Amino acid sequence: MAKAAKTAIKTKDQKAAADAKNWTKVIRAVRSPKTGAYTFKESIVHKDKIKEHLGQ
């Protein structure tokens, strides 16, 4: 018998699960001044502060 795929995270604390939807993963491409190659910087930012974070 095959295993069933779990598509939803089930938590006991529904408030914490709802609050988690307010956060977004931001991935920025940053060019290295030394080699010219691109690297990627990842960060978790609140959805209200994304534009401030990208403006830095």
PDB file of N, CA and C in Angstrom:
ATOM      1  N   MET A   1       0.841  -1.166   0.000  1.00  0.00           N
ATOM      2  CA  MET A   1       0.000   0.000   0.000  1.00  0.00           C
ATOM      3  C   MET A   1       0.896   1.243   0.000  1.00  0.00           C
ATOM      4  N   ALA A   2       0.574   2.209  -0.828  1.00  0.00           N
ATOM      5  CA  ALA A   2       1.369   3.427  -0.960  1.00  0.00           C
ATOM      6  C   ALA A   2       1.060   4.391   0.173  1.00  0.00           C
ATOM      7  N   LYS A   3       2.034   5.214   0.495  1.00  0.00           N
ATOM      8  CA  LYS A   3       1.836   6.218   1.528  1.00  0.00           C
ATOM      9  C   LYS A   3       1.063   7.404   0.959  1.00  0.00           C
ATOM     10  N   ALA A   4       0.230   7.998   1.765  1.00  0.00           N
ATOM     11  CA  ALA A   4      -0.535   9.171   1.340  1.00  0.00           C
ATOM     12  C   ALA A   4       0.343  10.412   1.480  1.00  0.00           C
ATOM     13  N   ALA A   5       0.279  11.293   0.509  1.00  0.00           N
ATOM     14  CA  ALA A   5       1.050  12.540   0.556  1.00  0.00           C
ATOM     15  C   ALA A   5       0.375  13.513   1.515  1.00  0.00           C
ATOM     16  N   LYS A   6       1.156  14.143   2.332  1.00  0.00           N
ATOM     17  CA  LYS A   6       0.613  15.123   3.267  1.00  0.00           C
ATOM     18  C   LYS A   6       0.780  16.506   2.655  1.00  0.00           C
ATOM     19  N   THR A   7      -0.329  17.172   2.409  1.00  0.00           N
ATOM     20  CA  THR A   7      -0.281  18.466   1.745  1.00  0.00           C
ATOM     21  C   THR A   7      -0.436  19.631   2.702  1.00  0.00           C
ATOM     22  N   ALA A   8      -0.948  19.399   3.877  1.00  0.00           N
ATOM     23  CA  ALA A   8      -1.169  20.488   4.821  1.00  0.00           C
ATOM     24  C   ALA A   8      -0.427  20.213   6.116  1.00  0.00           C
ATOM     25  N   ILE A   9       0.064  21.265   6.712  1.00  0.00           N
ATOM     26  CA  ILE A   9       0.714  21.142   8.014  1.00  0.00           C
ATOM     27  C   ILE A   9      -0.378  21.242   9.075  1.00  0.00           C
ATOM     28  N   LYS A  10      -0.443  20.244   9.909  1.00  0.00           N
ATOM     29  CA  LYS A  10      -1.463  20.238  10.948  1.00  0.00           C
ATOM     30  C   LYS A  10      -0.799  20.601  12.268  1.00  0.00           C
ATOM     31  N   THR A  11      -1.269  21.691  12.862  1.00  0.00           N
ATOM     32  CA  THR A  11      -0.731  22.122  14.147  1.00  0.00           C
ATOM     33  C   THR A  11      -1.850  22.208  15.159  1.00  0.00           C
ATOM     34  N   LYS A  12      -1.472  22.148  16.398  1.00  0.00           N
ATOM     35  CA  LYS A  12      -2.455  22.304  17.471  1.00  0.00           C
ATOM     36  C   LYS A  12      -2.790  23.774  17.672  1.00  0.00           C
ATOM     37  N   ASP A  13      -1.838  24.655  17.347  1.00  0.00           N
ATOM     38  CA  ASP A  13      -2.038  26.082  17.549  1.00  0.00           C
ATOM     39  C   ASP A  13      -2.422  26.728  16.222  1.00  0.00           C
ATOM     40  N   GLN A  14      -3.697  26.935  16.008  1.00  0.00           N
ATOM     41  CA  GLN A  14      -4.181  27.498  14.744  1.00  0.00           C
ATOM     42  C   GLN A  14      -3.776  28.961  14.586  1.00  0.00           C
ATOM     43  N   LYS A  15      -3.640  29.695  15.691  1.00  0.00           N
ATOM     44  CA  LYS A  15      -3.235  31.103  15.617  1.00  0.00           C
ATOM     45  C   LYS A  15      -1.809  31.222  15.095  1.00  0.00           C
ATOM     46  N   ALA A  16      -0.930  30.359  15.536  1.00  0.00           N
ATOM     47  CA  ALA A  16       0.452  30.376  15.061  1.00  0.00           C
ATOM     48  C   ALA A  16       0.521  29.996  13.592  1.00  0.00           C
ATOM     49  N   ALA A  17      -0.313  29.074  13.162  1.00  0.00           N
ATOM     50  CA  ALA A  17      -0.336  28.671  11.758  1.00  0.00           C
ATOM     51  C   ALA A  17      -0.837  29.814  10.887  1.00  0.00           C
ATOM     52  N   ALA A  18      -1.822  30.566  11.354  1.00  0.00           N
ATOM     53  CA  ALA A  18      -2.341  31.700  10.594  1.00  0.00           C
ATOM     54  C   ALA A  18      -1.314  32.830  10.554  1.00  0.00           C
ATOM     55  N   ASP A  19      -0.557  33.019  11.623  1.00  0.00           N
ATOM     56  CA  ASP A  19       0.460  34.070  11.663  1.00  0.00           C
ATOM     57  C   ASP A  19       1.632  33.751  10.736  1.00  0.00           C
ATOM     58  N   ALA A  20       1.888  32.499  10.502  1.00  0.00           N
ATOM     59  CA  ALA A  20       2.998  32.101   9.642  1.00  0.00           C
ATOM     60  C   ALA A  20       2.770  32.530   8.196  1.00  0.00           C
ATOM     61  N   LYS A  21       1.531  32.725   7.814  1.00  0.00           N
ATOM     62  CA  LYS A  21       1.221  33.159   6.448  1.00  0.00           C
ATOM     63  C   LYS A  21       1.613  34.610   6.194  1.00  0.00           C
ATOM     64  N   ASN A  22       1.949  35.349   7.236  1.00  0.00           N
ATOM     65  CA  ASN A  22       2.331  36.749   7.098  1.00  0.00           C
ATOM     66  C   ASN A  22       3.811  36.927   6.783  1.00  0.00           C
ATOM     67  N   TRP A  23       4.565  35.864   6.713  1.00  0.00           N
ATOM     68  CA  TRP A  23       6.000  35.930   6.451  1.00  0.00           C
ATOM     69  C   TRP A  23       6.291  35.423   5.042  1.00  0.00           C
ATOM     70  N   THR A  24       7.302  36.013   4.401  1.00  0.00           N
ATOM     71  CA  THR A  24       7.645  35.686   3.022  1.00  0.00           C
ATOM     72  C   THR A  24       9.145  35.463   2.911  1.00  0.00           C
ATOM     73  N   LYS A  25       9.543  34.508   2.083  1.00  0.00           N
ATOM     74  CA  LYS A  25      10.951  34.262   1.821  1.00  0.00           C
ATOM     75  C   LYS A  25      11.381  35.151   0.652  1.00  0.00           C
ATOM     76  N   VAL A  26      12.387  35.980   0.876  1.00  0.00           N
ATOM     77  CA  VAL A  26      12.884  36.897  -0.147  1.00  0.00           C
ATOM     78  C   VAL A  26      14.259  36.405  -0.594  1.00  0.00           C
ATOM     79  N   ILE A  27      14.429  36.258  -1.904  1.00  0.00           N
ATOM     80  CA  ILE A  27      15.697  35.817  -2.472  1.00  0.00           C
ATOM     81  C   ILE A  27      16.224  36.926  -3.368  1.00  0.00           C
ATOM     82  N   ARG A  28      17.427  37.409  -3.057  1.00  0.00           N
ATOM     83  CA  ARG A  28      18.030  38.494  -3.823  1.00  0.00           C
ATOM     84  C   ARG A  28      19.285  37.998  -4.517  1.00  0.00           C
ATOM     85  N   ALA A  29      19.468  38.420  -5.767  1.00  0.00           N
ATOM     86  CA  ALA A  29      20.698  38.120  -6.494  1.00  0.00           C
ATOM     87  C   ALA A  29      21.668  39.271  -6.236  1.00  0.00           C
ATOM     88  N   VAL A  30      22.845  38.946  -5.722  1.00  0.00           N
ATOM     89  CA  VAL A  30      23.847  39.955  -5.386  1.00  0.00           C
ATOM     90  C   VAL A  30      25.099  39.653  -6.188  1.00  0.00           C
ATOM     91  N   ARG A  31      25.603  40.654  -6.879  1.00  0.00           N
ATOM     92  CA  ARG A  31      26.796  40.467  -7.699  1.00  0.00           C
ATOM     93  C   ARG A  31      28.047  40.712  -6.872  1.00  0.00           C
ATOM     94  N   SER A  32      28.997  39.817  -6.972  1.00  0.00           N
ATOM     95  CA  SER A  32      30.252  39.933  -6.241  1.00  0.00           C
ATOM     96  C   SER A  32      31.138  40.955  -6.944  1.00  0.00           C
ATOM     97  N   PRO A  33      31.645  41.943  -6.217  1.00  0.00           N
ATOM     98  CA  PRO A  33      32.514  42.935  -6.858  1.00  0.00           C
ATOM     99  C   PRO A  33      33.875  42.354  -7.255  1.00  0.00           C
ATOM    100  N   LYS A  34      34.273  41.289  -6.597  1.00  0.00           N
ATOM    101  CA  LYS A  34      35.581  40.696  -6.846  1.00  0.00           C
ATOM    102  C   LYS A  34      35.590  39.838  -8.121  1.00  0.00           C
ATOM    103  N   THR A  35      34.608  38.946  -8.251  1.00  0.00           N
ATOM    104  CA  THR A  35      34.605  38.022  -9.384  1.00  0.00           C
ATOM    105  C   THR A  35      33.541  38.333 -10.427  1.00  0.00           C
ATOM    106  N   GLY A  36      32.531  39.096 -10.065  1.00  0.00           N
ATOM    107  CA  GLY A  36      31.447  39.396 -10.991  1.00  0.00           C
ATOM    108  C   GLY A  36      30.381  38.325 -11.029  1.00  0.00           C
ATOM    109  N   ALA A  37      30.559  37.261 -10.274  1.00  0.00           N
ATOM    110  CA  ALA A  37      29.571  36.184 -10.234  1.00  0.00           C
ATOM    111  C   ALA A  37      28.416  36.573  -9.307  1.00  0.00           C
ATOM    112  N   TYR A  38      27.255  36.015  -9.579  1.00  0.00           N
ATOM    113  CA  TYR A  38      26.087  36.275  -8.749  1.00  0.00           C
ATOM    114  C   TYR A  38      25.982  35.242  -7.636  1.00  0.00           C
ATOM    115  N   THR A  39      25.591  35.730  -6.470  1.00  0.00           N
ATOM    116  CA  THR A  39      25.255  34.851  -5.355  1.00  0.00           C
ATOM    117  C   THR A  39      23.836  35.208  -4.915  1.00  0.00           C
ATOM    118  N   PHE A  40      23.206  34.335  -4.194  1.00  0.00           N
ATOM    119  CA  PHE A  40      21.835  34.564  -3.777  1.00  0.00           C
ATOM    120  C   PHE A  40      21.768  34.663  -2.267  1.00  0.00           C
ATOM    121  N   LYS A  41      21.117  35.709  -1.783  1.00  0.00           N
ATOM    122  CA  LYS A  41      20.917  35.929  -0.353  1.00  0.00           C
ATOM    123  C   LYS A  41      19.451  35.673  -0.048  1.00  0.00           C
ATOM    124  N   GLU A  42      19.191  34.789   0.894  1.00  0.00           N
ATOM    125  CA  GLU A  42      17.829  34.448   1.281  1.00  0.00           C
ATOM    126  C   GLU A  42      17.541  34.995   2.667  1.00  0.00           C
ATOM    127  N   SER A  43      16.328  35.511   2.850  1.00  0.00           N
ATOM    128  CA  SER A  43      15.920  35.978   4.167  1.00  0.00           C
ATOM    129  C   SER A  43      14.406  35.847   4.293  1.00  0.00           C
ATOM    130  N   ILE A  44      13.953  35.741   5.527  1.00  0.00           N
ATOM    131  CA  ILE A  44      12.535  35.657   5.831  1.00  0.00           C
ATOM    132  C   ILE A  44      12.114  37.027   6.365  1.00  0.00           C
ATOM    133  N   VAL A  45      11.114  37.644   5.686  1.00  0.00           N
ATOM    134  CA  VAL A  45      10.711  39.010   5.998  1.00  0.00           C
ATOM    135  C   VAL A  45       9.192  39.044   6.164  1.00  0.00           C
ATOM    136  N   HIS A  46       8.728  39.890   7.071  1.00  0.00           N
ATOM    137  CA  HIS A  46       7.286  40.072   7.229  1.00  0.00           C
ATOM    138  C   HIS A  46       6.736  40.721   5.967  1.00  0.00           C
ATOM    139  N   LYS A  47       5.520  40.351   5.564  1.00  0.00           N
ATOM    140  CA  LYS A  47       4.981  40.800   4.283  1.00  0.00           C
ATOM    141  C   LYS A  47       4.790  42.313   4.214  1.00  0.00           C
ATOM    142  N   ASP A  48       4.672  42.995   5.346  1.00  0.00           N
ATOM    143  CA  ASP A  48       4.523  44.450   5.352  1.00  0.00           C
ATOM    144  C   ASP A  48       5.851  45.167   5.142  1.00  0.00           C
ATOM    145  N   LYS A  49       6.977  44.487   5.291  1.00  0.00           N
ATOM    146  CA  LYS A  49       8.293  45.131   5.220  1.00  0.00           C
ATOM    147  C   LYS A  49       9.120  44.683   4.023  1.00  0.00           C
ATOM    148  N   ILE A  50       8.494  44.073   3.022  1.00  0.00           N
ATOM    149  CA  ILE A  50       9.240  43.563   1.872  1.00  0.00           C
ATOM    150  C   ILE A  50       9.873  44.691   1.075  1.00  0.00           C
ATOM    151  N   LYS A  51       9.121  45.758   0.791  1.00  0.00           N
ATOM    152  CA  LYS A  51       9.662  46.860  -0.011  1.00  0.00           C
ATOM    153  C   LYS A  51      10.819  47.557   0.703  1.00  0.00           C
ATOM    154  N   GLU A  52      10.747  47.686   2.019  1.00  0.00           N
ATOM    155  CA  GLU A  52      11.846  48.276   2.781  1.00  0.00           C
ATOM    156  C   GLU A  52      13.088  47.403   2.683  1.00  0.00           C
ATOM    157  N   HIS A  53      12.891  46.109   2.760  1.00  0.00           N
ATOM    158  CA  HIS A  53      14.019  45.166   2.702  1.00  0.00           C
ATOM    159  C   HIS A  53      14.686  45.181   1.321  1.00  0.00           C
ATOM    160  N   LEU A  54      13.879  45.237   0.272  1.00  0.00           N
ATOM    161  CA  LEU A  54      14.445  45.236  -1.078  1.00  0.00           C
ATOM    162  C   LEU A  54      15.091  46.580  -1.430  1.00  0.00           C
ATOM    163  N   GLY A  55      14.718  47.644  -0.739  1.00  0.00           N
ATOM    164  CA  GLY A  55      15.301  48.964  -0.995  1.00  0.00           C
ATOM    165  C   GLY A  55      16.684  49.134  -0.400  1.00  0.00           C
ATOM    166  N   GLN A  56      17.106  48.225   0.438  1.00  0.00           N
ATOM    167  CA  GLN A  56      18.427  48.338   1.079  1.00  0.00           C
ATOM    168  C   GLN A  56      19.530  48.059   0.105  1.00  0.00           C
TER     169      GLN A  56
END
